[in-house]
Amino acid sequence: MQNNRICDSFIVCKSCDALVKKCELKRYQSVACPRCGAYLCCGRIHSFEVLFSLIVTDLVLFLFSNIFPFISFHLRGREQITFLSSGALELCRQNFSELGILVLLTAIIFPLIEILGLFYIILSLRLNIRFYKTEEIFRFVNYIGEWAMMEVFMLGLVVVYVKLIKLATMKLMPSFYFFSGFIISMTMTSIFIDRDKIWEKLEKMK
């Protein structure tokens, strides 16, 4: 889904192409298209410093999630320690390569690309320096973000944990908590980010 195209005085509705005059919005105020009722934009905190801090937090939590062990299993005297990527790799070893690759992409690779892309864009805006292909990268980040499904992955892990807790002794390791914090931090980032404002700033930097 493409963002609303914004010019100096109007917003173009992505649903019906109606022109809606821009106005200053207070925090949490929103604008709907008078023709079709589609959401256009809302007032948010436009502090790139706050957003940059959140993105750095996302990156740190994501790295820790992949460095430390995720869950440990104790069954019949044997212990197995798993990492965040272990499930996807095990699916590939069990001849479920397509499913394993899909899990790896949606739970690890796509979120990492989204974080690095946002870091690149917001750093460019903070420094007020136009980096290489910022608009193309931001457009790609917006597309990739729709395929990042960490919450679904985490929900599946919780279901597996509940089902296996009666069969084996399981212990949540540091990565589990880092990954939980990462999901919360990414949610906060999505709340604070104003993509229309970023597009507007990128246009002014041309």
N, C-alpha and C. Protein backbone atom coordinates (compact mmCIF):
# COMPACT_ATOMS: atom_id res chain seq x y z
N MET A 1 0.85 -1.19 0.00
CA MET A 1 0.00 0.00 0.00
C MET A 1 0.88 1.24 0.00
N GLN A 2 0.63 2.15 -0.91
CA GLN A 2 1.44 3.35 -1.01
C GLN A 2 0.93 4.40 -0.04
N ASN A 3 1.85 5.25 0.37
CA ASN A 3 1.48 6.35 1.26
C ASN A 3 0.72 7.40 0.48
N ASN A 4 -0.06 8.22 1.21
CA ASN A 4 -0.74 9.34 0.59
C ASN A 4 0.30 10.29 0.03
N ARG A 5 0.10 10.76 -1.18
CA ARG A 5 1.02 11.69 -1.81
C ARG A 5 0.70 13.08 -1.27
N ILE A 6 1.71 13.75 -0.72
CA ILE A 6 1.50 15.04 -0.05
C ILE A 6 2.21 16.14 -0.83
N CYS A 7 1.54 17.20 -1.11
CA CYS A 7 2.16 18.38 -1.68
C CYS A 7 2.12 19.47 -0.62
N ASP A 8 2.44 20.69 -1.00
CA ASP A 8 2.54 21.76 -0.02
C ASP A 8 1.20 22.10 0.64
N SER A 9 0.10 22.00 -0.10
CA SER A 9 -1.18 22.46 0.42
C SER A 9 -2.25 21.39 0.52
N PHE A 10 -2.04 20.25 -0.14
CA PHE A 10 -3.10 19.23 -0.19
C PHE A 10 -2.55 17.84 0.07
N ILE A 11 -3.45 16.97 0.52
CA ILE A 11 -3.18 15.54 0.61
C ILE A 11 -4.06 14.85 -0.41
N VAL A 12 -3.49 13.91 -1.15
CA VAL A 12 -4.26 13.14 -2.13
C VAL A 12 -4.67 11.82 -1.50
N CYS A 13 -5.97 11.56 -1.42
CA CYS A 13 -6.47 10.32 -0.84
C CYS A 13 -6.04 9.14 -1.68
N LYS A 14 -5.46 8.11 -1.05
CA LYS A 14 -4.98 6.95 -1.79
C LYS A 14 -6.13 6.05 -2.24
N SER A 15 -7.34 6.27 -1.70
CA SER A 15 -8.48 5.42 -2.05
C SER A 15 -9.30 5.97 -3.21
N CYS A 16 -9.53 7.29 -3.20
CA CYS A 16 -10.41 7.86 -4.24
C CYS A 16 -9.78 9.03 -4.98
N ASP A 17 -8.51 9.38 -4.64
CA ASP A 17 -7.78 10.48 -5.30
C ASP A 17 -8.39 11.85 -5.05
N ALA A 18 -9.18 11.98 -4.00
CA ALA A 18 -9.73 13.30 -3.67
C ALA A 18 -8.62 14.19 -3.09
N LEU A 19 -8.70 15.48 -3.38
CA LEU A 19 -7.75 16.45 -2.83
C LEU A 19 -8.32 17.01 -1.53
N VAL A 20 -7.56 16.89 -0.46
CA VAL A 20 -7.99 17.39 0.85
C VAL A 20 -6.95 18.40 1.33
N LYS A 21 -7.42 19.58 1.70
CA LYS A 21 -6.51 20.63 2.13
C LYS A 21 -5.85 20.26 3.45
N LYS A 22 -4.53 20.49 3.51
CA LYS A 22 -3.79 20.19 4.72
C LYS A 22 -4.10 21.21 5.82
N CYS A 23 -3.99 20.76 7.06
CA CYS A 23 -4.17 21.65 8.20
C CYS A 23 -3.27 21.16 9.33
N GLU A 24 -2.98 22.03 10.27
CA GLU A 24 -2.16 21.66 11.41
C GLU A 24 -2.97 20.78 12.35
N LEU A 25 -2.40 19.67 12.73
CA LEU A 25 -3.08 18.72 13.61
C LEU A 25 -2.39 18.66 14.97
N LYS A 26 -3.20 18.59 16.00
CA LYS A 26 -2.65 18.35 17.32
C LYS A 26 -2.40 16.86 17.48
N ARG A 27 -1.70 16.52 18.54
CA ARG A 27 -1.37 15.13 18.78
C ARG A 27 -2.65 14.28 18.89
N TYR A 28 -2.65 13.16 18.18
CA TYR A 28 -3.74 12.18 18.14
C TYR A 28 -4.96 12.63 17.34
N GLN A 29 -4.96 13.85 16.80
CA GLN A 29 -6.03 14.23 15.89
C GLN A 29 -5.81 13.55 14.55
N SER A 30 -6.89 13.21 13.87
CA SER A 30 -6.77 12.53 12.58
C SER A 30 -7.66 13.20 11.55
N VAL A 31 -7.36 12.93 10.28
CA VAL A 31 -8.11 13.49 9.16
C VAL A 31 -8.62 12.34 8.31
N ALA A 32 -9.90 12.38 7.96
CA ALA A 32 -10.51 11.38 7.08
C ALA A 32 -10.94 12.05 5.79
N CYS A 33 -10.94 11.29 4.73
CA CYS A 33 -11.35 11.81 3.42
C CYS A 33 -12.85 12.15 3.45
N PRO A 34 -13.23 13.38 3.08
CA PRO A 34 -14.66 13.74 3.10
C PRO A 34 -15.48 13.01 2.04
N ARG A 35 -14.81 12.46 1.02
CA ARG A 35 -15.53 11.76 -0.04
C ARG A 35 -15.79 10.30 0.31
N CYS A 36 -14.73 9.56 0.71
CA CYS A 36 -14.89 8.12 0.94
C CYS A 36 -14.69 7.72 2.39
N GLY A 37 -14.23 8.65 3.23
CA GLY A 37 -14.06 8.34 4.65
C GLY A 37 -12.78 7.62 4.99
N ALA A 38 -11.88 7.45 4.02
CA ALA A 38 -10.63 6.74 4.28
C ALA A 38 -9.72 7.58 5.17
N TYR A 39 -8.93 6.89 5.99
CA TYR A 39 -7.95 7.57 6.86
C TYR A 39 -6.87 8.23 6.00
N LEU A 40 -6.52 9.47 6.35
CA LEU A 40 -5.49 10.18 5.60
C LEU A 40 -4.22 10.37 6.41
N CYS A 41 -4.32 10.96 7.58
CA CYS A 41 -3.15 11.19 8.41
C CYS A 41 -3.62 11.56 9.81
N CYS A 42 -2.65 11.64 10.73
CA CYS A 42 -2.98 12.03 12.09
C CYS A 42 -1.83 12.83 12.67
N GLY A 43 -2.12 13.56 13.74
CA GLY A 43 -1.09 14.33 14.40
C GLY A 43 -0.27 13.47 15.35
N ARG A 44 1.06 13.50 15.20
CA ARG A 44 1.95 12.70 16.03
C ARG A 44 3.14 13.55 16.46
N ILE A 45 3.94 12.97 17.34
CA ILE A 45 5.17 13.65 17.74
C ILE A 45 6.14 13.61 16.57
N HIS A 46 6.60 14.76 16.10
CA HIS A 46 7.48 14.81 14.94
C HIS A 46 8.95 14.95 15.37
N SER A 47 9.29 14.37 16.50
CA SER A 47 10.66 14.43 16.96
C SER A 47 11.45 13.26 16.39
N PHE A 48 12.36 13.57 15.48
CA PHE A 48 13.18 12.51 14.91
C PHE A 48 14.19 12.00 15.94
N GLU A 49 14.48 12.80 16.98
CA GLU A 49 15.37 12.33 18.03
C GLU A 49 14.73 11.19 18.82
N VAL A 50 13.44 11.35 19.16
CA VAL A 50 12.72 10.28 19.87
C VAL A 50 12.63 9.04 18.99
N LEU A 51 12.29 9.23 17.74
CA LEU A 51 12.16 8.11 16.81
C LEU A 51 13.50 7.41 16.61
N PHE A 52 14.56 8.19 16.51
CA PHE A 52 15.89 7.61 16.33
C PHE A 52 16.28 6.77 17.55
N SER A 53 15.95 7.26 18.74
CA SER A 53 16.24 6.50 19.96
C SER A 53 15.48 5.18 19.99
N LEU A 54 14.24 5.20 19.55
CA LEU A 54 13.45 3.97 19.51
C LEU A 54 14.04 2.98 18.51
N ILE A 55 14.48 3.47 17.38
CA ILE A 55 15.04 2.58 16.35
C ILE A 55 16.35 1.96 16.83
N VAL A 56 17.17 2.75 17.52
CA VAL A 56 18.41 2.20 18.10
C VAL A 56 18.07 1.13 19.13
N THR A 57 17.04 1.37 19.93
CA THR A 57 16.59 0.37 20.90
C THR A 57 16.13 -0.89 20.20
N ASP A 58 15.38 -0.73 19.09
CA ASP A 58 14.95 -1.88 18.30
C ASP A 58 16.15 -2.71 17.84
N LEU A 59 17.15 -2.03 17.34
CA LEU A 59 18.32 -2.71 16.79
C LEU A 59 19.09 -3.46 17.88
N VAL A 60 19.28 -2.83 19.02
CA VAL A 60 20.02 -3.47 20.13
C VAL A 60 19.26 -4.70 20.63
N LEU A 61 17.96 -4.57 20.84
CA LEU A 61 17.15 -5.69 21.32
C LEU A 61 17.13 -6.83 20.31
N PHE A 62 17.09 -6.48 19.03
CA PHE A 62 17.08 -7.52 17.99
C PHE A 62 18.40 -8.28 17.98
N LEU A 63 19.51 -7.57 18.08
CA LEU A 63 20.82 -8.23 18.09
C LEU A 63 20.96 -9.14 19.30
N PHE A 64 20.54 -8.68 20.48
CA PHE A 64 20.62 -9.51 21.68
C PHE A 64 19.70 -10.72 21.57
N SER A 65 18.56 -10.55 20.90
CA SER A 65 17.64 -11.67 20.72
C SER A 65 18.26 -12.80 19.92
N ASN A 66 19.16 -12.46 19.00
CA ASN A 66 19.78 -13.46 18.14
C ASN A 66 21.11 -13.97 18.68
N ILE A 67 21.67 -13.28 19.66
CA ILE A 67 22.96 -13.70 20.22
C ILE A 67 22.77 -14.71 21.35
N PHE A 68 21.81 -14.45 22.23
CA PHE A 68 21.63 -15.28 23.42
C PHE A 68 20.69 -16.46 23.13
N PRO A 69 20.76 -17.51 23.96
CA PRO A 69 19.84 -18.65 23.81
C PRO A 69 18.39 -18.22 24.04
N PHE A 70 17.47 -18.95 23.41
CA PHE A 70 16.05 -18.60 23.45
C PHE A 70 15.29 -19.44 24.49
N ILE A 71 15.33 -20.75 24.33
CA ILE A 71 14.64 -21.67 25.24
C ILE A 71 15.52 -22.90 25.44
N SER A 72 15.53 -23.44 26.64
CA SER A 72 16.24 -24.69 26.91
C SER A 72 15.23 -25.79 27.23
N PHE A 73 15.47 -26.99 26.67
CA PHE A 73 14.62 -28.15 26.90
C PHE A 73 15.38 -29.19 27.74
N HIS A 74 14.71 -29.75 28.73
CA HIS A 74 15.25 -30.86 29.51
C HIS A 74 14.27 -32.02 29.39
N LEU A 75 14.69 -33.09 28.74
CA LEU A 75 13.82 -34.25 28.54
C LEU A 75 14.63 -35.53 28.69
N ARG A 76 14.25 -36.36 29.67
CA ARG A 76 14.88 -37.65 29.91
C ARG A 76 16.39 -37.53 30.09
N GLY A 77 16.78 -36.54 30.87
CA GLY A 77 18.19 -36.37 31.17
C GLY A 77 19.00 -35.67 30.10
N ARG A 78 18.38 -35.29 29.00
CA ARG A 78 19.07 -34.61 27.92
C ARG A 78 18.63 -33.15 27.87
N GLU A 79 19.57 -32.31 27.59
CA GLU A 79 19.29 -30.87 27.51
C GLU A 79 19.59 -30.36 26.11
N GLN A 80 18.69 -29.54 25.59
CA GLN A 80 18.89 -28.92 24.29
C GLN A 80 18.59 -27.43 24.40
N ILE A 81 19.52 -26.62 23.96
CA ILE A 81 19.36 -25.17 24.00
C ILE A 81 19.10 -24.67 22.58
N THR A 82 18.04 -23.90 22.41
CA THR A 82 17.67 -23.39 21.10
C THR A 82 17.88 -21.88 21.03
N PHE A 83 18.07 -21.42 19.81
CA PHE A 83 18.20 -19.99 19.55
C PHE A 83 17.01 -19.52 18.73
N LEU A 84 16.92 -18.23 18.49
CA LEU A 84 15.77 -17.66 17.80
C LEU A 84 15.61 -18.25 16.39
N SER A 85 16.73 -18.52 15.74
CA SER A 85 16.68 -19.05 14.38
C SER A 85 16.61 -20.56 14.31
N SER A 86 16.64 -21.23 15.47
CA SER A 86 16.71 -22.70 15.48
C SER A 86 15.50 -23.35 14.82
N GLY A 87 14.31 -22.79 15.06
CA GLY A 87 13.10 -23.37 14.50
C GLY A 87 13.11 -23.38 12.99
N ALA A 88 13.50 -22.25 12.39
CA ALA A 88 13.54 -22.16 10.93
C ALA A 88 14.60 -23.11 10.35
N LEU A 89 15.75 -23.20 11.00
CA LEU A 89 16.82 -24.08 10.52
C LEU A 89 16.42 -25.55 10.66
N GLU A 90 15.71 -25.87 11.73
CA GLU A 90 15.27 -27.25 11.92
C GLU A 90 14.23 -27.64 10.88
N LEU A 91 13.36 -26.73 10.51
CA LEU A 91 12.39 -27.00 9.44
C LEU A 91 13.11 -27.30 8.13
N CYS A 92 14.17 -26.58 7.85
CA CYS A 92 14.95 -26.84 6.63
C CYS A 92 15.60 -28.21 6.69
N ARG A 93 16.11 -28.61 7.86
CA ARG A 93 16.73 -29.92 8.00
C ARG A 93 15.72 -31.06 7.88
N GLN A 94 14.45 -30.77 8.23
CA GLN A 94 13.40 -31.78 8.16
C GLN A 94 12.70 -31.78 6.80
N ASN A 95 13.34 -31.22 5.79
CA ASN A 95 12.81 -31.20 4.42
C ASN A 95 11.55 -30.33 4.27
N PHE A 96 11.43 -29.33 5.15
CA PHE A 96 10.38 -28.32 5.01
C PHE A 96 11.06 -26.98 4.70
N SER A 97 11.87 -27.00 3.65
CA SER A 97 12.71 -25.84 3.35
C SER A 97 11.90 -24.58 3.07
N GLU A 98 10.79 -24.73 2.32
CA GLU A 98 9.98 -23.56 1.97
C GLU A 98 9.41 -22.91 3.22
N LEU A 99 8.89 -23.73 4.15
CA LEU A 99 8.33 -23.19 5.38
C LEU A 99 9.42 -22.60 6.26
N GLY A 100 10.57 -23.27 6.31
CA GLY A 100 11.68 -22.76 7.10
C GLY A 100 12.18 -21.42 6.61
N ILE A 101 12.29 -21.29 5.28
CA ILE A 101 12.73 -20.01 4.70
C ILE A 101 11.70 -18.92 4.97
N LEU A 102 10.41 -19.27 4.88
CA LEU A 102 9.35 -18.28 5.14
C LEU A 102 9.43 -17.79 6.59
N VAL A 103 9.62 -18.69 7.54
CA VAL A 103 9.74 -18.30 8.94
C VAL A 103 10.97 -17.43 9.14
N LEU A 104 12.08 -17.82 8.52
CA LEU A 104 13.33 -17.06 8.66
C LEU A 104 13.17 -15.64 8.11
N LEU A 105 12.47 -15.52 6.98
CA LEU A 105 12.29 -14.21 6.36
C LEU A 105 11.37 -13.32 7.19
N THR A 106 10.21 -13.83 7.58
CA THR A 106 9.21 -13.00 8.24
C THR A 106 9.55 -12.69 9.69
N ALA A 107 10.31 -13.57 10.35
CA ALA A 107 10.59 -13.38 11.78
C ALA A 107 11.95 -12.76 12.05
N ILE A 108 12.89 -12.88 11.10
CA ILE A 108 14.24 -12.41 11.37
C ILE A 108 14.75 -11.45 10.29
N ILE A 109 14.77 -11.90 9.05
CA ILE A 109 15.42 -11.12 7.99
C ILE A 109 14.64 -9.85 7.66
N PHE A 110 13.34 -9.95 7.44
CA PHE A 110 12.54 -8.76 7.11
C PHE A 110 12.54 -7.73 8.24
N PRO A 111 12.36 -8.14 9.52
CA PRO A 111 12.45 -7.14 10.60
C PRO A 111 13.82 -6.46 10.65
N LEU A 112 14.89 -7.22 10.40
CA LEU A 112 16.23 -6.62 10.41
C LEU A 112 16.38 -5.60 9.29
N ILE A 113 15.88 -5.93 8.09
CA ILE A 113 15.94 -4.99 6.97
C ILE A 113 15.14 -3.72 7.29
N GLU A 114 13.97 -3.90 7.91
CA GLU A 114 13.13 -2.75 8.26
C GLU A 114 13.85 -1.84 9.26
N ILE A 115 14.48 -2.44 10.28
CA ILE A 115 15.17 -1.64 11.29
C ILE A 115 16.34 -0.88 10.68
N LEU A 116 17.16 -1.59 9.90
CA LEU A 116 18.33 -0.95 9.29
C LEU A 116 17.91 0.15 8.31
N GLY A 117 16.83 -0.10 7.58
CA GLY A 117 16.34 0.91 6.63
C GLY A 117 15.84 2.15 7.34
N LEU A 118 15.07 1.97 8.43
CA LEU A 118 14.59 3.11 9.19
C LEU A 118 15.74 3.86 9.85
N PHE A 119 16.74 3.13 10.34
CA PHE A 119 17.92 3.76 10.92
C PHE A 119 18.62 4.64 9.89
N TYR A 120 18.75 4.14 8.68
CA TYR A 120 19.39 4.87 7.59
C TYR A 120 18.62 6.15 7.25
N ILE A 121 17.29 6.04 7.17
CA ILE A 121 16.45 7.17 6.79
C ILE A 121 16.43 8.24 7.88
N ILE A 122 16.19 7.83 9.12
CA ILE A 122 16.08 8.80 10.21
C ILE A 122 17.42 9.46 10.49
N LEU A 123 18.51 8.72 10.34
CA LEU A 123 19.83 9.33 10.50
C LEU A 123 20.05 10.40 9.44
N SER A 124 19.59 10.14 8.22
CA SER A 124 19.69 11.13 7.15
C SER A 124 18.90 12.39 7.50
N LEU A 125 17.70 12.21 8.06
CA LEU A 125 16.87 13.36 8.41
C LEU A 125 17.44 14.12 9.60
N ARG A 126 17.99 13.40 10.57
CA ARG A 126 18.58 14.06 11.74
C ARG A 126 19.78 14.92 11.35
N LEU A 127 20.61 14.38 10.47
CA LEU A 127 21.80 15.11 10.04
C LEU A 127 21.49 16.12 8.95
N ASN A 128 20.25 16.04 8.42
CA ASN A 128 19.83 16.93 7.33
C ASN A 128 20.77 16.78 6.12
N ILE A 129 21.16 15.54 5.88
CA ILE A 129 22.02 15.21 4.73
C ILE A 129 21.30 14.16 3.90
N ARG A 130 21.19 14.40 2.63
CA ARG A 130 20.50 13.45 1.76
C ARG A 130 21.44 12.29 1.44
N PHE A 131 21.15 11.11 2.01
CA PHE A 131 21.95 9.93 1.73
C PHE A 131 21.57 9.33 0.38
N TYR A 132 22.31 8.33 -0.01
CA TYR A 132 22.11 7.67 -1.31
C TYR A 132 20.77 6.94 -1.35
N LYS A 133 19.93 7.31 -2.32
CA LYS A 133 18.65 6.66 -2.61
C LYS A 133 17.77 6.52 -1.36
N THR A 134 17.63 7.60 -0.61
CA THR A 134 16.82 7.56 0.60
C THR A 134 15.34 7.27 0.30
N GLU A 135 14.80 7.87 -0.74
CA GLU A 135 13.39 7.66 -1.06
C GLU A 135 13.13 6.23 -1.49
N GLU A 136 14.00 5.66 -2.32
CA GLU A 136 13.83 4.29 -2.76
C GLU A 136 13.91 3.31 -1.58
N ILE A 137 14.85 3.58 -0.69
CA ILE A 137 15.02 2.72 0.48
C ILE A 137 13.81 2.82 1.40
N PHE A 138 13.30 4.03 1.61
CA PHE A 138 12.14 4.20 2.48
C PHE A 138 10.91 3.52 1.87
N ARG A 139 10.76 3.60 0.56
CA ARG A 139 9.65 2.93 -0.10
C ARG A 139 9.76 1.41 0.07
N PHE A 140 10.99 0.89 -0.04
CA PHE A 140 11.22 -0.55 0.14
C PHE A 140 10.96 -0.96 1.58
N VAL A 141 11.37 -0.12 2.53
CA VAL A 141 11.14 -0.41 3.95
C VAL A 141 9.66 -0.49 4.25
N ASN A 142 8.88 0.41 3.68
CA ASN A 142 7.43 0.40 3.89
C ASN A 142 6.81 -0.89 3.37
N TYR A 143 7.34 -1.39 2.26
CA TYR A 143 6.82 -2.64 1.68
C TYR A 143 7.23 -3.84 2.53
N ILE A 144 8.50 -3.87 2.92
CA ILE A 144 9.02 -4.99 3.71
C ILE A 144 8.32 -5.06 5.07
N GLY A 145 8.00 -3.89 5.65
CA GLY A 145 7.39 -3.86 6.97
C GLY A 145 6.08 -4.61 7.04
N GLU A 146 5.37 -4.70 5.92
CA GLU A 146 4.10 -5.42 5.90
C GLU A 146 4.30 -6.93 6.01
N TRP A 147 5.52 -7.41 5.75
CA TRP A 147 5.80 -8.84 5.79
C TRP A 147 6.55 -9.25 7.05
N ALA A 148 6.89 -8.29 7.90
CA ALA A 148 7.55 -8.61 9.17
C ALA A 148 6.49 -9.04 10.17
N MET A 149 6.53 -10.30 10.59
CA MET A 149 5.47 -10.86 11.43
C MET A 149 6.04 -11.46 12.71
N MET A 150 6.77 -10.65 13.47
CA MET A 150 7.35 -11.16 14.71
C MET A 150 6.28 -11.57 15.71
N GLU A 151 5.15 -10.84 15.74
CA GLU A 151 4.11 -11.14 16.71
C GLU A 151 3.51 -12.53 16.46
N VAL A 152 3.30 -12.86 15.17
CA VAL A 152 2.76 -14.18 14.83
C VAL A 152 3.75 -15.27 15.22
N PHE A 153 5.03 -15.02 14.95
CA PHE A 153 6.07 -15.97 15.32
C PHE A 153 6.11 -16.18 16.83
N MET A 154 6.02 -15.09 17.58
CA MET A 154 6.05 -15.18 19.04
C MET A 154 4.82 -15.91 19.57
N LEU A 155 3.67 -15.65 18.98
CA LEU A 155 2.44 -16.34 19.41
C LEU A 155 2.56 -17.84 19.19
N GLY A 156 3.14 -18.22 18.04
CA GLY A 156 3.35 -19.64 17.78
C GLY A 156 4.28 -20.28 18.79
N LEU A 157 5.33 -19.55 19.19
CA LEU A 157 6.27 -20.07 20.18
C LEU A 157 5.60 -20.24 21.54
N VAL A 158 4.74 -19.30 21.90
CA VAL A 158 4.04 -19.40 23.18
C VAL A 158 3.11 -20.62 23.19
N VAL A 159 2.43 -20.87 22.05
CA VAL A 159 1.55 -22.04 21.95
C VAL A 159 2.35 -23.33 22.10
N VAL A 160 3.50 -23.40 21.42
CA VAL A 160 4.37 -24.58 21.52
C VAL A 160 4.86 -24.76 22.96
N TYR A 161 5.22 -23.65 23.60
CA TYR A 161 5.69 -23.70 24.98
C TYR A 161 4.62 -24.27 25.91
N VAL A 162 3.39 -23.80 25.74
CA VAL A 162 2.29 -24.27 26.60
C VAL A 162 2.03 -25.76 26.38
N LYS A 163 2.13 -26.23 25.14
CA LYS A 163 1.86 -27.63 24.83
C LYS A 163 2.97 -28.56 25.31
N LEU A 164 4.21 -28.10 25.27
CA LEU A 164 5.34 -28.96 25.61
C LEU A 164 5.73 -28.89 27.09
N ILE A 165 5.22 -27.92 27.82
CA ILE A 165 5.63 -27.74 29.21
C ILE A 165 5.26 -28.95 30.06
N LYS A 166 4.23 -29.72 29.64
CA LYS A 166 3.83 -30.91 30.38
C LYS A 166 4.70 -32.12 30.05
N LEU A 167 5.39 -32.08 28.91
CA LEU A 167 6.19 -33.21 28.47
C LEU A 167 7.66 -33.06 28.82
N ALA A 168 8.13 -31.83 28.95
CA ALA A 168 9.55 -31.59 29.20
C ALA A 168 9.71 -30.38 30.12
N THR A 169 10.85 -30.32 30.75
CA THR A 169 11.18 -29.15 31.56
C THR A 169 11.77 -28.08 30.64
N MET A 170 11.10 -26.95 30.59
CA MET A 170 11.51 -25.88 29.68
C MET A 170 11.82 -24.62 30.47
N LYS A 171 12.86 -23.95 30.06
CA LYS A 171 13.28 -22.72 30.73
C LYS A 171 13.44 -21.61 29.71
N LEU A 172 12.82 -20.48 29.98
CA LEU A 172 12.94 -19.33 29.09
C LEU A 172 14.30 -18.67 29.31
N MET A 173 15.03 -18.50 28.22
CA MET A 173 16.38 -17.96 28.28
C MET A 173 16.35 -16.46 27.96
N PRO A 174 17.49 -15.74 28.10
CA PRO A 174 17.50 -14.28 27.90
C PRO A 174 16.94 -13.82 26.57
N SER A 175 17.18 -14.57 25.49
CA SER A 175 16.70 -14.15 24.17
C SER A 175 15.19 -13.99 24.12
N PHE A 176 14.48 -14.84 24.87
CA PHE A 176 13.02 -14.75 24.89
C PHE A 176 12.57 -13.38 25.39
N TYR A 177 13.21 -12.90 26.44
CA TYR A 177 12.83 -11.61 27.01
C TYR A 177 13.29 -10.45 26.13
N PHE A 178 14.47 -10.61 25.52
CA PHE A 178 14.92 -9.58 24.59
C PHE A 178 13.97 -9.48 23.39
N PHE A 179 13.54 -10.64 22.89
CA PHE A 179 12.65 -10.65 21.73
C PHE A 179 11.28 -10.07 22.09
N SER A 180 10.81 -10.35 23.30
CA SER A 180 9.54 -9.76 23.75
C SER A 180 9.66 -8.24 23.82
N GLY A 181 10.79 -7.77 24.37
CA GLY A 181 11.02 -6.33 24.42
C GLY A 181 11.15 -5.73 23.04
N PHE A 182 11.74 -6.49 22.12
CA PHE A 182 11.87 -6.02 20.74
C PHE A 182 10.50 -5.81 20.08
N ILE A 183 9.59 -6.74 20.31
CA ILE A 183 8.25 -6.60 19.74
C ILE A 183 7.55 -5.37 20.30
N ILE A 184 7.69 -5.15 21.61
CA ILE A 184 7.08 -3.96 22.23
C ILE A 184 7.72 -2.69 21.68
N SER A 185 9.04 -2.70 21.56
CA SER A 185 9.75 -1.53 21.05
C SER A 185 9.37 -1.22 19.60
N MET A 186 9.23 -2.26 18.79
CA MET A 186 8.82 -2.06 17.39
C MET A 186 7.40 -1.51 17.32
N THR A 187 6.55 -1.95 18.24
CA THR A 187 5.19 -1.41 18.29
C THR A 187 5.21 0.08 18.63
N MET A 188 6.05 0.46 19.57
CA MET A 188 6.20 1.87 19.92
C MET A 188 6.74 2.67 18.74
N THR A 189 7.67 2.09 18.01
CA THR A 189 8.21 2.76 16.82
C THR A 189 7.12 3.02 15.79
N SER A 190 6.28 2.01 15.56
CA SER A 190 5.20 2.17 14.58
C SER A 190 4.18 3.21 15.02
N ILE A 191 4.05 3.41 16.35
CA ILE A 191 3.13 4.43 16.85
C ILE A 191 3.70 5.83 16.65
N PHE A 192 4.99 5.99 16.90
CA PHE A 192 5.61 7.31 16.84
C PHE A 192 5.97 7.74 15.41
N ILE A 193 6.20 6.78 14.53
CA ILE A 193 6.65 7.16 13.19
C ILE A 193 5.51 7.79 12.40
N ASP A 194 5.81 8.87 11.74
CA ASP A 194 4.86 9.56 10.87
C ASP A 194 5.42 9.49 9.45
N ARG A 195 4.98 8.52 8.70
CA ARG A 195 5.55 8.28 7.37
C ARG A 195 5.27 9.43 6.41
N ASP A 196 4.10 10.06 6.55
CA ASP A 196 3.80 11.20 5.70
C ASP A 196 4.75 12.36 5.98
N LYS A 197 5.06 12.57 7.26
CA LYS A 197 5.99 13.64 7.62
C LYS A 197 7.39 13.34 7.09
N ILE A 198 7.77 12.08 7.11
CA ILE A 198 9.08 11.69 6.58
C ILE A 198 9.14 11.93 5.08
N TRP A 199 8.07 11.55 4.37
CA TRP A 199 8.03 11.80 2.93
C TRP A 199 8.15 13.30 2.64
N GLU A 200 7.44 14.10 3.44
CA GLU A 200 7.47 15.54 3.25
C GLU A 200 8.88 16.10 3.47
N LYS A 201 9.55 15.58 4.50
CA LYS A 201 10.92 16.04 4.79
C LYS A 201 11.89 15.60 3.67
N LEU A 202 11.70 14.40 3.17
CA LEU A 202 12.55 13.91 2.09
C LEU A 202 12.36 14.76 0.81
N GLU A 203 11.12 15.17 0.58
CA GLU A 203 10.84 16.01 -0.59
C GLU A 203 11.55 17.36 -0.46
N LYS A 204 11.58 17.91 0.74
CA LYS A 204 12.21 19.21 0.95
C LYS A 204 13.73 19.13 0.83
N MET A 205 14.30 17.93 1.04
CA MET A 205 15.73 17.76 0.97
C MET A 205 16.25 17.59 -0.45
N LYS A 206 15.35 17.50 -1.42
CA LYS A 206 15.78 17.34 -2.82
C LYS A 206 16.54 18.56 -3.30
